[in-house]
Amino acid sequence: MAKSMRFAMYIYMLNITHQGPCIEHRAATSDWMGNIRPTYIKRVAFELIARFPESFTQDFEANKLMVGRLTDTKYISLRNRVAGYITCRMRKKKD
């Protein structure tokens, strides 16, 4: 298949107009689209939630402190990403 044909099919599949994705497309995809996180962040988060379920809440700042106390993460960004994922899971659990 020619390169221009693949690009045309890609544009058609995304339902893009000259102004960007149409409103219907954004509304249809917003229910299942989300942040993609690496497996190691999810693995640590699930392990912490399984071991200490009462320690985590829907508050990011509190979860950030708990992740810092319960793990020996060397990098602050990794701690924040794990705490953010835990916060997201706690909020979904509530709903």
Protein backbone atom coordinates (compact mmCIF):
# COMPACT_ATOMS: atom_id res chain seq x y z
CA MET A 1 0.00 0.00 0.00
CA ALA A 2 1.31 3.41 -0.89
CA LYS A 3 2.46 5.70 1.89
CA SER A 4 -0.07 8.41 0.99
CA MET A 5 -2.88 5.85 1.01
CA ARG A 6 -1.90 4.65 4.51
CA PHE A 7 -1.84 8.25 5.73
CA ALA A 8 -5.27 8.90 4.19
CA MET A 9 -6.65 5.79 5.91
CA TYR A 10 -5.10 6.91 9.20
CA ILE A 11 -6.74 10.33 8.88
CA TYR A 12 -10.06 8.71 8.04
CA MET A 13 -9.85 6.32 10.99
CA LEU A 14 -9.15 9.17 13.40
CA ASN A 15 -12.07 11.12 11.95
CA ILE A 16 -9.99 14.29 11.77
CA THR A 17 -11.24 17.44 10.13
CA HIS A 18 -9.18 20.52 9.45
CA GLN A 19 -10.00 21.73 12.99
CA GLY A 20 -8.90 18.57 14.80
CA PRO A 21 -10.83 15.53 16.01
CA CYS A 22 -14.58 15.95 15.87
CA ILE A 23 -16.57 16.30 19.08
CA GLU A 24 -18.32 12.95 18.61
CA HIS A 25 -14.97 11.17 18.34
CA ARG A 26 -13.62 12.81 21.49
CA ALA A 27 -16.80 12.03 23.43
CA ALA A 28 -16.77 8.39 22.34
CA THR A 29 -13.14 7.82 23.27
CA SER A 30 -13.06 9.75 26.55
CA ASP A 31 -14.72 6.89 28.44
CA TRP A 32 -11.95 4.38 27.80
CA MET A 33 -8.90 6.52 27.14
CA GLY A 34 -6.58 7.10 30.04
CA ASN A 35 -3.01 7.46 31.13
CA ILE A 36 -0.67 4.66 30.22
CA ARG A 37 1.58 3.68 33.10
CA PRO A 38 4.46 1.23 33.09
CA THR A 39 3.92 -2.19 34.60
CA TYR A 40 6.44 -1.64 37.39
CA ILE A 41 4.41 1.32 38.72
CA LYS A 42 1.21 -0.72 38.67
CA ARG A 43 2.93 -3.70 40.29
CA VAL A 44 4.26 -1.64 43.20
CA ALA A 45 0.93 0.15 43.62
CA PHE A 46 -1.09 -3.08 43.68
CA GLU A 47 1.34 -4.62 46.16
CA LEU A 48 1.10 -1.63 48.48
CA ILE A 49 -2.70 -1.55 48.26
CA ALA A 50 -2.87 -5.29 48.98
CA ARG A 51 -0.55 -5.09 52.00
CA PHE A 52 -1.74 -1.79 53.48
CA PRO A 53 -5.30 -1.13 52.24
CA GLU A 54 -6.25 1.16 55.14
CA SER A 55 -3.18 3.36 54.69
CA PHE A 56 -4.27 4.94 51.39
CA THR A 57 -6.98 7.50 50.68
CA GLN A 58 -8.17 9.59 47.75
CA ASP A 59 -5.76 12.38 48.69
CA PHE A 60 -2.58 12.49 46.62
CA GLU A 61 -0.49 14.31 49.23
CA ALA A 62 -1.31 11.75 51.93
CA ASN A 63 -0.62 8.87 49.55
CA LYS A 64 2.69 10.45 48.56
CA LEU A 65 3.82 10.49 52.17
CA MET A 66 2.69 6.89 52.73
CA VAL A 67 4.50 5.61 49.64
CA GLY A 68 7.63 7.40 50.84
CA ARG A 69 7.37 5.73 54.26
CA LEU A 70 6.49 2.24 53.01
CA THR A 71 9.04 2.00 50.21
CA ASP A 72 12.65 2.86 49.71
CA THR A 73 12.26 4.71 46.42
CA LYS A 74 15.35 6.62 45.49
CA TYR A 75 13.62 8.87 42.97
CA ILE A 76 10.93 11.37 43.90
CA SER A 77 9.30 11.16 40.47
CA LEU A 78 8.85 7.39 40.85
CA ARG A 79 7.29 7.88 44.29
CA ASN A 80 4.92 10.48 42.87
CA ARG A 81 3.88 8.29 39.97
CA VAL A 82 3.13 5.36 42.26
CA ALA A 83 1.21 7.64 44.62
CA GLY A 84 -0.71 9.10 41.70
CA TYR A 85 -1.70 5.67 40.45
CA ILE A 86 -2.80 4.63 43.95
CA THR A 87 -4.87 7.81 44.23
CA CYS A 88 -6.51 7.05 40.89
CA ARG A 89 -7.32 3.48 41.99
CA MET A 90 -8.79 4.69 45.28
CA ARG A 91 -11.00 7.18 43.49
CA LYS A 92 -12.23 4.49 41.09
CA LYS A 93 -12.85 2.12 43.98
CA LYS A 94 -15.07 4.73 45.62
CA ASP A 95 -17.30 5.10 42.52
